[in-house]
């Protein structure tokens, strides 16, 4: 199921918006690369990583509320953990965030889990 398919649970729609804001808000001119707030906020030592992780966990919470299986939730949490651990490395972590896109990965997992229920 992708963003154009309807109906999607309200939690999935909210998760998509959060993922776009954090991972894909703006396309870098002259490239196919998009960036969001996650790598920018991650430049702020400690509090930036904590803030990004808290917002990323809101996607996981939406998935849990929508009844996504525990195995999928575990994979989503692993994506957030990798994002936090590597993202906490100054500068390198922000570059990693541009390409890892944990939130977009988690939305895809969420979408697949919802599609499998239908």
C-alpha atoms as a PDB file:
ATOM      1  CA  UNK A   1       0.000   0.000   0.000  1.00  0.00           C
ATOM      2  CA  UNK A   2       1.420   3.405  -0.866  1.00  0.00           C
ATOM      3  CA  UNK A   3       0.459   6.973  -0.095  1.00  0.00           C
ATOM      4  CA  UNK A   4      -2.066   7.107  -2.941  1.00  0.00           C
ATOM      5  CA  UNK A   5      -4.007   4.047  -1.812  1.00  0.00           C
ATOM      6  CA  UNK A   6      -7.036   4.572   0.363  1.00  0.00           C
ATOM      7  CA  UNK A   7      -8.239   3.913   2.908  1.00  0.00           C
ATOM      8  CA  UNK A   8      -5.287   3.908   5.265  1.00  0.00           C
ATOM      9  CA  UNK A   9      -5.617   3.881   9.027  1.00  0.00           C
ATOM     10  CA  UNK A  10      -5.366   7.407  10.484  1.00  0.00           C
ATOM     11  CA  UNK A  11      -2.201   6.359  12.325  1.00  0.00           C
ATOM     12  CA  UNK A  12      -0.527   5.404   9.067  1.00  0.00           C
ATOM     13  CA  UNK A  13      -1.420   8.737   7.505  1.00  0.00           C
ATOM     14  CA  UNK A  14       0.085  10.542  10.519  1.00  0.00           C
ATOM     15  CA  UNK A  15       3.196   8.325  10.367  1.00  0.00           C
ATOM     16  CA  UNK A  16       3.663   9.168   6.681  1.00  0.00           C
ATOM     17  CA  UNK A  17       3.530  12.899   7.444  1.00  0.00           C
ATOM     18  CA  UNK A  18       6.070  12.559  10.269  1.00  0.00           C
ATOM     19  CA  UNK A  19       8.415  10.474   8.093  1.00  0.00           C
ATOM     20  CA  UNK A  20       8.222  13.021   5.299  1.00  0.00           C
ATOM     21  CA  UNK A  21       8.998  15.859   7.689  1.00  0.00           C
ATOM     22  CA  UNK A  22      11.944  14.028   9.251  1.00  0.00           C
ATOM     23  CA  UNK A  23      13.409  12.258   6.213  1.00  0.00           C
ATOM     24  CA  UNK A  24      12.179  13.692   2.910  1.00  0.00           C
ATOM     25  CA  UNK A  25      10.940  17.257   3.332  1.00  0.00           C
ATOM     26  CA  UNK A  26      13.184  18.871   0.707  1.00  0.00           C
ATOM     27  CA  UNK A  27      14.941  17.532  -2.379  1.00  0.00           C
ATOM     28  CA  UNK A  28      18.526  18.697  -2.696  1.00  0.00           C
ATOM     29  CA  UNK A  29      18.723  20.692  -5.952  1.00  0.00           C
ATOM     30  CA  UNK A  30      20.493  18.839  -8.754  1.00  0.00           C
ATOM     31  CA  UNK A  31      20.212  15.451  -7.022  1.00  0.00           C
ATOM     32  CA  UNK A  32      17.683  12.725  -6.328  1.00  0.00           C
ATOM     33  CA  UNK A  33      18.471  13.020  -2.614  1.00  0.00           C
ATOM     34  CA  UNK A  34      15.930  14.400  -0.196  1.00  0.00           C
ATOM     35  CA  UNK A  35      16.500  15.512   3.367  1.00  0.00           C
ATOM     36  CA  UNK A  36      14.285  16.328   6.287  1.00  0.00           C
ATOM     37  CA  UNK A  37      14.677  17.700   9.749  1.00  0.00           C
ATOM     38  CA  UNK A  38      16.300  14.561  11.221  1.00  0.00           C
ATOM     39  CA  UNK A  39      19.854  15.198   9.968  1.00  0.00           C
ATOM     40  CA  UNK A  40      19.563  18.916  10.745  1.00  0.00           C
ATOM     41  CA  UNK A  41      18.234  18.450  14.272  1.00  0.00           C
ATOM     42  CA  UNK A  42      20.852  15.740  14.756  1.00  0.00           C
ATOM     43  CA  UNK A  43      23.563  18.399  14.462  1.00  0.00           C
ATOM     44  CA  UNK A  44      22.555  19.661  17.911  1.00  0.00           C
ATOM     45  CA  UNK A  45      24.611  17.591  20.363  1.00  0.00           C
ATOM     46  CA  UNK A  46      22.621  15.168  22.552  1.00  0.00           C
ATOM     47  CA  UNK A  47      19.290  17.014  22.578  1.00  0.00           C
ATOM     48  CA  UNK A  48      18.992  16.818  18.790  1.00  0.00           C
ATOM     49  CA  UNK A  49      19.403  13.054  18.782  1.00  0.00           C
ATOM     50  CA  UNK A  50      17.018  12.643  21.709  1.00  0.00           C
ATOM     51  CA  UNK A  51      14.404  14.854  20.032  1.00  0.00           C
ATOM     52  CA  UNK A  52      14.659  12.993  16.722  1.00  0.00           C
ATOM     53  CA  UNK A  53      14.389   9.638  18.512  1.00  0.00           C
ATOM     54  CA  UNK A  54      11.309  10.751  20.433  1.00  0.00           C
ATOM     55  CA  UNK A  55       9.591  11.858  17.247  1.00  0.00           C
ATOM     56  CA  UNK A  56      10.655   8.655  15.449  1.00  0.00           C
ATOM     57  CA  UNK A  57       9.105   6.637  18.260  1.00  0.00           C
ATOM     58  CA  UNK A  58       5.774   8.318  17.534  1.00  0.00           C
ATOM     59  CA  UNK A  59       5.707   6.360  14.253  1.00  0.00           C
ATOM     60  CA  UNK A  60       6.276   3.132  16.189  1.00  0.00           C
ATOM     61  CA  UNK A  61       3.523   4.108  18.630  1.00  0.00           C
ATOM     62  CA  UNK A  62       1.104   4.671  15.739  1.00  0.00           C
ATOM     63  CA  UNK A  63       1.971   1.223  14.388  1.00  0.00           C
ATOM     64  CA  UNK A  64       1.340  -0.368  17.790  1.00  0.00           C
ATOM     65  CA  UNK A  65      -2.031   1.417  18.087  1.00  0.00           C
ATOM     66  CA  UNK A  66      -2.930   0.147  14.611  1.00  0.00           C
ATOM     67  CA  UNK A  67      -2.248  -3.453  15.640  1.00  0.00           C
ATOM     68  CA  UNK A  68       0.987  -4.085  13.743  1.00  0.00           C
ATOM     69  CA  UNK A  69       2.501  -7.465  14.741  1.00  0.00           C
ATOM     70  CA  UNK A  70       5.199  -7.522  17.423  1.00  0.00           C
ATOM     71  CA  UNK A  71       7.861  -8.724  14.995  1.00  0.00           C
ATOM     72  CA  UNK A  72       7.312  -5.695  12.789  1.00  0.00           C
ATOM     73  CA  UNK A  73       7.376  -3.399  15.822  1.00  0.00           C
ATOM     74  CA  UNK A  74      10.688  -4.992  16.871  1.00  0.00           C
ATOM     75  CA  UNK A  75      12.162  -4.261  13.426  1.00  0.00           C
ATOM     76  CA  UNK A  76      10.908  -0.689  13.641  1.00  0.00           C
ATOM     77  CA  UNK A  77      12.537  -0.267  17.052  1.00  0.00           C
ATOM     78  CA  UNK A  78      15.788  -1.665  15.653  1.00  0.00           C
ATOM     79  CA  UNK A  79      15.689   0.936  12.869  1.00  0.00           C
ATOM     80  CA  UNK A  80      15.246   3.700  15.451  1.00  0.00           C
ATOM     81  CA  UNK A  81      18.065   2.252  17.598  1.00  0.00           C
ATOM     82  CA  UNK A  82      20.474   2.190  14.634  1.00  0.00           C
ATOM     83  CA  UNK A  83      19.465   5.750  13.789  1.00  0.00           C
ATOM     84  CA  UNK A  84      20.102   6.888  17.361  1.00  0.00           C
ATOM     85  CA  UNK A  85      23.416   5.089  17.822  1.00  0.00           C
ATOM     86  CA  UNK A  86      24.983   6.086  14.515  1.00  0.00           C
ATOM     87  CA  UNK A  87      23.178   9.424  14.450  1.00  0.00           C
ATOM     88  CA  UNK A  88      24.786  10.389  17.754  1.00  0.00           C
ATOM     89  CA  UNK A  89      28.237  10.522  16.135  1.00  0.00           C
ATOM     90  CA  UNK A  90      28.946  14.196  15.408  1.00  0.00           C
ATOM     91  CA  UNK A  91      28.672  15.150  11.715  1.00  0.00           C
ATOM     92  CA  UNK A  92      28.998  11.528  10.494  1.00  0.00           C
ATOM     93  CA  UNK A  93      25.666  10.774  12.149  1.00  0.00           C
ATOM     94  CA  UNK A  94      23.906  13.553  10.268  1.00  0.00           C
ATOM     95  CA  UNK A  95      25.335  12.361   6.960  1.00  0.00           C
ATOM     96  CA  UNK A  96      24.198   8.835   7.854  1.00  0.00           C
ATOM     97  CA  UNK A  97      20.683  10.155   8.600  1.00  0.00           C
ATOM     98  CA  UNK A  98      20.416  11.584   5.085  1.00  0.00           C
ATOM     99  CA  UNK A  99      20.772   8.089   3.631  1.00  0.00           C
ATOM    100  CA  UNK A 100      19.461   5.707   6.335  1.00  0.00           C
ATOM    101  CA  UNK A 101      15.996   7.316   6.638  1.00  0.00           C
ATOM    102  CA  UNK A 102      14.814   5.174   9.552  1.00  0.00           C
ATOM    103  CA  UNK A 103      11.424   6.874   9.597  1.00  0.00           C
ATOM    104  CA  UNK A 104      10.739   6.159   5.932  1.00  0.00           C
ATOM    105  CA  UNK A 105      11.843   2.534   6.514  1.00  0.00           C
ATOM    106  CA  UNK A 106       9.443   2.279   9.431  1.00  0.00           C
ATOM    107  CA  UNK A 107       6.545   3.664   7.429  1.00  0.00           C
ATOM    108  CA  UNK A 108       7.200   1.052   4.724  1.00  0.00           C
ATOM    109  CA  UNK A 109       7.129  -1.682   7.388  1.00  0.00           C
ATOM    110  CA  UNK A 110       3.898  -0.193   8.769  1.00  0.00           C
ATOM    111  CA  UNK A 111       2.357  -0.060   5.274  1.00  0.00           C
ATOM    112  CA  UNK A 112       3.259  -3.690   4.545  1.00  0.00           C
ATOM    113  CA  UNK A 113       1.800  -4.855   7.842  1.00  0.00           C
ATOM    114  CA  UNK A 114      -1.455  -2.998   7.144  1.00  0.00           C
ATOM    115  CA  UNK A 115      -1.597  -4.334   3.567  1.00  0.00           C
ATOM    116  CA  UNK A 116      -1.122  -7.906   4.779  1.00  0.00           C
ATOM    117  CA  UNK A 117      -4.173  -7.566   7.042  1.00  0.00           C
ATOM    118  CA  UNK A 118      -6.438  -6.560   4.151  1.00  0.00           C
END
